[in-house]
Protein backbone atom coordinates (compact mmCIF):
# COMPACT_ATOMS: atom_id res chain seq x y z
CA UNK A 1 -16.89 4.68 20.46
CA UNK A 2 -13.61 4.43 22.38
CA UNK A 3 -12.52 0.80 22.33
CA UNK A 4 -11.46 -1.53 19.55
CA UNK A 5 -14.23 -4.07 20.06
CA UNK A 6 -16.80 -1.31 19.61
CA UNK A 7 -15.63 -0.95 16.01
CA UNK A 8 -16.46 -4.64 15.49
CA UNK A 9 -19.94 -4.59 17.03
CA UNK A 10 -22.17 -7.00 15.03
CA UNK A 11 -25.39 -5.13 15.81
CA UNK A 12 -24.02 -1.84 14.54
CA UNK A 13 -22.69 -3.71 11.50
CA UNK A 14 -26.17 -5.09 10.76
CA UNK A 15 -27.69 -1.61 10.98
CA UNK A 16 -25.12 -0.21 8.57
CA UNK A 17 -25.72 -3.07 6.16
CA UNK A 18 -29.47 -2.50 6.39
CA UNK A 19 -28.96 1.19 5.55
CA UNK A 20 -26.80 0.28 2.56
CA UNK A 21 -29.42 -2.20 1.30
CA UNK A 22 -32.17 0.37 1.74
CA UNK A 23 -30.18 3.01 -0.17
CA UNK A 24 -28.75 1.16 -3.14
CA UNK A 25 -30.89 1.03 -6.29
CA UNK A 26 -28.38 0.09 -8.98
CA UNK A 27 -24.91 -1.48 -9.36
CA UNK A 28 -21.93 0.47 -8.03
CA UNK A 29 -18.20 -0.30 -7.94
CA UNK A 30 -16.06 1.09 -5.12
CA UNK A 31 -12.28 0.77 -4.80
CA UNK A 32 -10.35 0.73 -1.54
CA UNK A 33 -6.77 1.95 -1.93
CA UNK A 34 -5.29 0.38 1.18
CA UNK A 35 -4.02 -3.13 1.75
CA UNK A 36 -5.03 -3.00 5.40
CA UNK A 37 -8.60 -2.22 4.38
CA UNK A 38 -8.50 -5.07 1.86
CA UNK A 39 -7.54 -7.53 4.60
CA UNK A 40 -10.32 -6.25 6.87
CA UNK A 41 -12.83 -6.65 4.04
CA UNK A 42 -11.81 -10.22 3.25
CA UNK A 43 -11.22 -11.34 6.83
CA UNK A 44 -14.67 -10.22 7.97
CA UNK A 45 -16.45 -11.12 4.73
CA UNK A 46 -17.67 -7.57 4.21
CA UNK A 47 -17.73 -7.96 0.42
CA UNK A 48 -19.94 -11.05 0.82
CA UNK A 49 -22.31 -9.32 3.24
CA UNK A 50 -22.98 -6.36 0.97
CA UNK A 51 -25.94 -6.40 -1.42
CA UNK A 52 -25.16 -7.81 -4.85
CA UNK A 53 -25.34 -4.33 -6.37
CA UNK A 54 -22.21 -3.21 -4.48
CA UNK A 55 -18.85 -4.49 -5.72
CA UNK A 56 -15.62 -3.78 -3.87
CA UNK A 57 -12.54 -3.50 -6.10
CA UNK A 58 -9.11 -3.94 -4.52
CA UNK A 59 -6.71 -1.21 -5.63
CA UNK A 60 -2.93 -0.70 -5.49
CA UNK A 61 -2.93 -0.08 -1.75
CA UNK A 62 -0.18 -2.48 -0.66
CA UNK A 63 3.16 -0.62 -0.45
CA UNK A 64 5.25 -3.78 -0.71
CA UNK A 65 3.25 -4.96 -3.72
CA UNK A 66 3.73 -1.81 -5.77
CA UNK A 67 7.50 -1.61 -5.20
CA UNK A 68 8.84 -2.14 -8.74
CA UNK A 69 10.84 -5.21 -9.65
CA UNK A 70 13.80 -3.07 -10.69
CA UNK A 71 14.07 -1.60 -7.19
CA UNK A 72 13.76 -5.08 -5.63
CA UNK A 73 16.63 -6.26 -7.82
CA UNK A 74 18.69 -3.22 -6.84
CA UNK A 75 18.05 -4.07 -3.18
CA UNK A 76 19.23 -7.63 -3.81
CA UNK A 77 22.39 -6.42 -5.55
CA UNK A 78 23.25 -4.01 -2.73
CA UNK A 79 22.46 -6.53 0.01
CA UNK A 80 24.81 -9.08 -1.56
CA UNK A 81 27.82 -6.76 -1.49
CA UNK A 82 30.60 -7.41 1.03
CA UNK A 83 30.70 -4.90 3.86
CA UNK A 84 26.99 -4.00 3.59
CA UNK A 85 24.39 -4.45 6.32
CA UNK A 86 21.03 -4.32 4.57
CA UNK A 87 18.08 -3.49 6.84
CA UNK A 88 14.40 -3.89 5.99
CA UNK A 89 11.00 -4.50 7.47
CA UNK A 90 10.24 -8.20 7.52
CA UNK A 91 7.53 -8.20 4.87
CA UNK A 92 10.08 -7.32 2.16
CA UNK A 93 12.26 -10.40 2.70
CA UNK A 94 10.07 -12.84 0.76
CA UNK A 95 9.16 -10.48 -2.08
CA UNK A 96 10.54 -12.09 -5.23
CA UNK A 97 13.00 -10.30 -7.44
CA UNK A 98 13.87 -11.57 -10.88
CA UNK A 99 15.63 -14.69 -9.61
CA UNK A 100 15.77 -14.57 -5.78
CA UNK A 101 14.65 -12.67 -2.68
CA UNK A 102 16.33 -11.14 0.37
CA UNK A 103 15.96 -14.39 2.31
CA UNK A 104 18.03 -16.10 -0.38
CA UNK A 105 20.65 -13.35 -0.21
CA UNK A 106 20.84 -13.84 3.56
CA UNK A 107 21.15 -17.59 3.10
CA UNK A 108 24.03 -17.02 0.70
CA UNK A 109 25.93 -15.00 3.29
CA UNK A 110 24.57 -11.48 2.92
CA UNK A 111 24.07 -9.51 6.14
CA UNK A 112 20.33 -8.87 5.85
CA UNK A 113 18.59 -7.77 9.04
CA UNK A 114 14.94 -7.23 9.97
CA UNK A 115 14.34 -4.00 11.87
CA UNK A 116 11.20 -2.45 13.31
CA UNK A 117 12.07 1.18 12.64
CA UNK A 118 14.42 3.03 10.29
CA UNK A 119 15.99 4.48 13.44
CA UNK A 120 17.03 0.92 14.33
CA UNK A 121 19.02 0.86 11.10
CA UNK A 122 20.59 4.21 11.96
CA UNK A 123 21.64 2.82 15.35
CA UNK A 124 23.23 -0.17 13.58
CA UNK A 125 25.17 2.27 11.38
CA UNK A 126 26.37 4.19 14.43
CA UNK A 127 27.51 0.95 16.10
CA UNK A 128 29.24 -0.35 12.94
CA UNK A 129 31.22 2.59 11.55
CA UNK A 130 33.31 0.28 9.34
CA UNK A 131 30.23 -1.09 7.51
CA UNK A 132 27.80 0.48 5.05
CA UNK A 133 24.24 0.27 6.41
CA UNK A 134 21.31 0.57 4.00
CA UNK A 135 17.66 0.82 4.94
CA UNK A 136 15.01 -0.16 2.38
CA UNK A 137 12.57 2.76 2.50
CA UNK A 138 9.30 1.87 0.82
CA UNK A 139 5.66 2.75 1.25
CA UNK A 140 3.05 5.44 0.91
CA UNK A 141 2.75 8.79 2.66
CA UNK A 142 2.40 6.95 5.98
CA UNK A 143 5.93 5.53 6.19
CA UNK A 144 7.71 8.34 4.35
CA UNK A 145 7.95 10.80 7.32
CA UNK A 146 9.89 8.46 9.67
CA UNK A 147 12.24 7.56 6.83
CA UNK A 148 12.74 11.25 6.08
CA UNK A 149 13.39 11.92 9.77
CA UNK A 150 16.01 9.15 9.85
CA UNK A 151 17.94 10.66 6.94
CA UNK A 152 17.65 14.09 8.58
CA UNK A 153 19.06 12.63 11.81
CA UNK A 154 21.88 10.87 9.98
CA UNK A 155 22.99 14.15 8.46
CA UNK A 156 22.57 16.06 11.71
CA UNK A 157 24.61 13.49 13.67
CA UNK A 158 27.23 13.12 10.96
CA UNK A 159 26.63 9.38 10.46
CA UNK A 160 28.07 8.95 7.00
CA UNK A 161 27.83 5.16 6.60
CA UNK A 162 24.02 5.18 6.44
CA UNK A 163 21.94 5.41 3.27
CA UNK A 164 18.35 4.91 2.15
CA UNK A 165 17.13 2.91 -0.82
CA UNK A 166 14.00 4.87 -1.65
CA UNK A 167 10.81 3.61 -3.26
CA UNK A 168 8.12 5.87 -1.81
CA UNK A 169 4.86 6.41 -3.66
CA UNK A 170 1.91 8.80 -3.36
CA UNK A 171 -1.79 7.91 -3.45
CA UNK A 172 -3.45 10.84 -5.32
CA UNK A 173 -1.49 10.33 -8.58
CA UNK A 174 -2.42 6.63 -8.43
CA UNK A 175 -6.10 7.54 -8.21
CA UNK A 176 -5.58 9.83 -11.19
CA UNK A 177 -3.95 7.02 -13.17
CA UNK A 178 -6.74 4.59 -12.28
CA UNK A 179 -9.43 7.02 -13.38
CA UNK A 180 -7.62 7.76 -16.64
CA UNK A 181 -7.34 4.08 -17.55
CA UNK A 182 -9.61 3.04 -20.45
CA UNK A 183 -10.52 -0.09 -18.46
CA UNK A 184 -11.53 1.83 -15.35
CA UNK A 185 -14.89 0.94 -13.84
CA UNK A 186 -14.38 2.55 -10.43
CA UNK A 187 -17.20 4.88 -9.40
CA UNK A 188 -16.09 5.77 -5.88
CA UNK A 189 -13.07 5.48 -3.60
CA UNK A 190 -12.41 4.62 0.03
CA UNK A 191 -9.31 6.64 0.89
CA UNK A 192 -6.83 5.35 3.47
CA UNK A 193 -7.13 7.09 6.82
CA UNK A 194 -3.48 6.70 7.80
CA UNK A 195 -2.29 8.36 4.59
CA UNK A 196 -4.69 11.25 5.14
CA UNK A 197 -3.65 11.57 8.80
CA UNK A 198 -0.25 12.62 7.44
CA UNK A 199 -1.15 14.53 4.28
CA UNK A 200 -4.67 15.71 5.05
CA UNK A 201 -7.34 15.77 2.35
CA UNK A 202 -6.28 18.85 0.41
CA UNK A 203 -5.29 16.92 -2.74
CA UNK A 204 -8.56 14.99 -3.03
CA UNK A 205 -11.34 17.56 -3.76
CA UNK A 206 -9.90 18.45 -7.16
CA UNK A 207 -9.67 14.75 -8.05
CA UNK A 208 -13.24 14.10 -6.93
CA UNK A 209 -14.55 17.06 -8.91
CA UNK A 210 -12.62 16.40 -12.12
CA UNK A 211 -13.46 12.70 -12.28
CA UNK A 212 -16.88 13.08 -10.65
CA UNK A 213 -16.22 10.34 -8.08
CA UNK A 214 -16.94 10.46 -4.35
CA UNK A 215 -13.88 9.93 -2.15
CA UNK A 216 -14.59 8.91 1.44
CA UNK A 217 -11.72 8.82 3.93
CA UNK A 218 -12.14 5.91 6.29
CA UNK A 219 -10.35 3.70 8.79
CA UNK A 220 -9.53 0.03 9.01
CA UNK A 221 -11.97 -1.70 11.35
CA UNK A 222 -15.12 -3.44 10.01
CA UNK A 223 -17.46 -0.63 11.07
CA UNK A 224 -15.09 1.96 9.59
CA UNK A 225 -15.27 0.18 6.25
CA UNK A 226 -19.05 -0.23 6.36
CA UNK A 227 -19.54 3.42 7.28
CA UNK A 228 -17.26 4.46 4.42
CA UNK A 229 -19.24 2.28 2.01
CA UNK A 230 -22.54 3.65 3.35
CA UNK A 231 -21.41 7.23 2.77
CA UNK A 232 -20.02 6.43 -0.68
CA UNK A 233 -23.22 4.70 -1.79
CA UNK A 234 -25.25 7.63 -0.49
CA UNK A 235 -23.25 10.05 -2.62
CA UNK A 236 -23.45 7.83 -5.69
CA UNK A 237 -27.20 7.45 -5.38
CA UNK A 238 -27.60 11.24 -4.99
CA UNK A 239 -25.27 12.00 -7.89
CA UNK A 240 -22.72 13.73 -5.65
CA UNK A 241 -18.93 13.63 -5.87
CA UNK A 242 -17.30 15.23 -2.85
CA UNK A 243 -14.61 14.35 -0.31
CA UNK A 244 -16.09 13.10 2.96
CA UNK A 245 -13.97 12.48 6.05
CA UNK A 246 -15.44 9.48 7.88
CA UNK A 247 -12.28 9.09 9.97
CA UNK A 248 -12.33 12.37 11.84
CA UNK A 249 -10.98 10.75 15.00
CA UNK A 250 -7.58 10.55 13.26
CA UNK A 251 -7.67 12.79 10.16
CA UNK A 252 -7.60 16.57 10.07
CA UNK A 253 -8.08 18.51 6.85
CA UNK A 254 -4.52 19.87 6.90
CA UNK A 255 -2.96 16.60 8.04
CA UNK A 256 0.20 16.66 10.13
CA UNK A 257 2.11 19.91 9.42
CA UNK A 258 5.34 18.75 11.09
CA UNK A 259 5.44 15.51 9.08
CA UNK A 260 4.68 17.37 5.85
CA UNK A 261 7.47 19.88 6.57
CA UNK A 262 9.94 17.04 7.09
CA UNK A 263 8.87 15.45 3.80
CA UNK A 264 9.29 18.75 1.97
CA UNK A 265 12.81 19.17 3.38
CA UNK A 266 14.19 15.68 2.77
CA UNK A 267 12.29 14.50 -0.32
CA UNK A 268 11.24 15.89 -3.67
CA UNK A 269 8.41 14.67 -5.89
CA UNK A 270 9.40 12.51 -8.84
CA UNK A 271 7.91 10.08 -11.35
CA UNK A 272 7.76 6.53 -9.97
CA UNK A 273 7.30 3.09 -11.48
CA UNK A 274 4.65 0.92 -9.78
CA UNK A 275 5.09 -2.83 -10.02
CA UNK A 276 2.62 -4.30 -12.48
CA UNK A 277 1.32 -0.85 -13.44
CA UNK A 278 4.16 1.19 -14.90
CA UNK A 279 5.39 4.73 -14.45
CA UNK A 280 2.93 7.20 -12.94
CA UNK A 281 3.98 10.87 -13.22
CA UNK A 282 4.71 12.69 -9.95
CA UNK A 283 3.65 9.63 -7.99
CA UNK A 284 6.64 9.25 -5.70
CA UNK A 285 9.49 10.80 -3.80
CA UNK A 286 13.24 10.70 -4.02
CA UNK A 287 15.84 12.28 -1.76
CA UNK A 288 16.33 15.96 -2.48
CA UNK A 289 19.69 17.34 -3.57
CA UNK A 290 20.49 18.35 0.03
CA UNK A 291 20.43 14.69 1.05
CA UNK A 292 21.67 13.04 -2.15
CA UNK A 293 24.74 11.67 -0.37
CA UNK A 294 22.38 9.43 1.62
CA UNK A 295 20.77 7.94 -1.49
CA UNK A 296 21.79 4.27 -1.74
CA UNK A 297 21.19 4.18 -5.52
CA UNK A 298 23.56 7.13 -5.90
CA UNK A 299 26.10 5.77 -3.40
CA UNK A 300 26.31 2.24 -4.80
CA UNK A 301 25.75 3.16 -8.47
CA UNK A 302 23.56 0.13 -9.07
CA UNK A 303 23.18 -0.13 -12.84
CA UNK A 304 22.69 -2.77 -15.51
CA UNK A 305 19.60 -4.24 -13.84
CA UNK A 306 17.53 -6.31 -16.27
CA UNK A 307 14.17 -7.29 -14.81
CA UNK A 308 11.84 -10.08 -15.84
CA UNK A 309 8.37 -10.62 -14.37
CA UNK A 310 7.02 -14.20 -14.40
CA UNK A 311 4.75 -14.48 -17.42
CA UNK A 312 2.09 -16.39 -15.44
CA UNK A 313 1.88 -13.76 -12.68
CA UNK A 314 -1.09 -11.43 -13.09
CA UNK A 315 -0.51 -9.34 -9.98
CA UNK A 316 -0.44 -6.18 -12.09
CA UNK A 317 -4.08 -6.76 -13.04
CA UNK A 318 -4.90 -7.44 -9.38
CA UNK A 319 -3.25 -4.16 -8.34
CA UNK A 320 -5.24 -2.24 -10.96
CA UNK A 321 -8.50 -3.79 -9.81
CA UNK A 322 -9.01 -5.59 -13.12
CA UNK A 323 -8.83 -9.06 -11.61
CA UNK A 324 -9.75 -10.67 -8.30
CA UNK A 325 -6.89 -12.81 -6.92
CA UNK A 326 -8.81 -16.08 -7.15
CA UNK A 327 -9.57 -15.42 -10.82
CA UNK A 328 -5.88 -15.95 -11.63
CA UNK A 329 -5.00 -19.46 -12.83
CA UNK A 330 -1.78 -19.49 -10.79
CA UNK A 331 -3.50 -18.49 -7.53
CA UNK A 332 -3.13 -21.18 -4.86
CA UNK A 333 -1.46 -23.61 -7.29
CA UNK A 334 1.84 -22.45 -8.73
CA UNK A 335 1.62 -19.26 -6.64
CA UNK A 336 1.39 -19.64 -2.85
CA UNK A 337 2.82 -17.72 0.13
CA UNK A 338 5.64 -20.30 0.31
CA UNK A 339 6.44 -19.95 -3.40
CA UNK A 340 5.04 -16.59 -4.53
CA UNK A 341 5.17 -15.41 -8.11
CA UNK A 342 4.44 -11.82 -7.13
CA UNK A 343 4.46 -9.54 -4.12
CA UNK A 344 0.67 -9.54 -3.78
CA UNK A 345 0.84 -13.15 -2.55
CA UNK A 346 3.57 -12.69 0.05
CA UNK A 347 3.03 -9.21 1.48
CA UNK A 348 1.04 -8.95 4.70
CA UNK A 349 -1.15 -6.35 2.95
CA UNK A 350 -1.38 -8.02 -0.45
CA UNK A 351 -4.79 -8.87 -1.88
CA UNK A 352 -3.65 -12.33 -3.01
CA UNK A 353 -2.30 -13.04 0.48
CA UNK A 354 -5.65 -12.01 1.99
CA UNK A 355 -7.61 -14.30 -0.34
CA UNK A 356 -5.26 -17.19 0.40
CA UNK A 357 -5.14 -16.63 4.17
CA UNK A 358 -8.92 -16.38 4.50
CA UNK A 359 -9.54 -19.26 2.09
CA UNK A 360 -11.12 -17.44 -0.82
CA UNK A 361 -9.65 -20.06 -3.09
CA UNK A 362 -12.29 -20.17 -5.82
CA UNK A 363 -13.80 -17.28 -7.75
CA UNK A 364 -17.26 -18.39 -6.58
CA UNK A 365 -16.17 -17.70 -3.00
CA UNK A 366 -16.16 -13.98 -3.74
CA UNK A 367 -19.82 -13.88 -4.76
CA UNK A 368 -22.13 -11.93 -2.42
CA UNK A 369 -24.16 -14.04 -0.03
CA UNK A 370 -26.40 -13.62 2.97
CA UNK A 371 -24.54 -14.10 6.23
CA UNK A 372 -24.19 -12.84 9.77
CA UNK A 373 -21.58 -10.11 10.31
CA UNK A 374 -18.47 -11.27 12.07
CA UNK A 375 -17.90 -9.51 15.35
């Protein structure tokens, strides 16, 4: 297949679903660890088309959603300072901090700008040498390399008024934490193809073997997801637990060596807090000592941040796969995209946003049903 519409072919989708139905003999629970995959699943009703024995669990795959409240509040404090131009991707502007968001800061006079690349922020710093320019660097292994490259370029070009507020996280330690949870009921994983296109699959075999769970790397279109599920169910039914690359058109075993080298130069692995989950050891990056001068937390010495999550927000349980969004009492009532309690409702990759956008408003809407695949 070469074209996008071929990855949404209803006839191929029916055949894959038929194979899954013919293979499955008992209940299985599979987690996708990618917000883009979650949106594909909900948009196309894949979870409703699967046989009742197959449950899809939405994991902590939304980078905006897992950015901890403390870091959001630090971003708000920095963005509100005089002389600062705070740059971010647009999906961070509505993410609630303890008492406001970046839109509110902008409305109160802060210079908050939406950019489409961290290099845009670097260009703003070059054009405004009398201002401090901060870029909010969040995300998984996919967005970390361009942010690392931007810091590298800032140092190489001698642009001193640029800094990065870092909240980068790594997928394999999150899988480890999920599997070690006493409430875990995940029996297989769909791994995110874009993450593996950068990092490769070298970290996954040991996880699959130790926890005896199949890990299938897959893409983001409906047929990608169905093929990943088909392969995962096949392994589960055969009692296997290996890493299977179902996204070979984009993922190589070793990943992208140039991107990995840039990450190793600019960042170092550190413990990271995940919003709604807590601290996961070795699950993130921070700027290495060679680039510490470009660390916004270090530069602005943001301290004394006291965070408070809304008591009625259960996004942490959603991120851990313990709760479907429409099983939360606040979903669609006191928590909406216009007035979100948590990041999972406002992020373009959040599970709650997907359920709201595609009208999965009641828990009964998530029950499997017979239907025709959406092309």
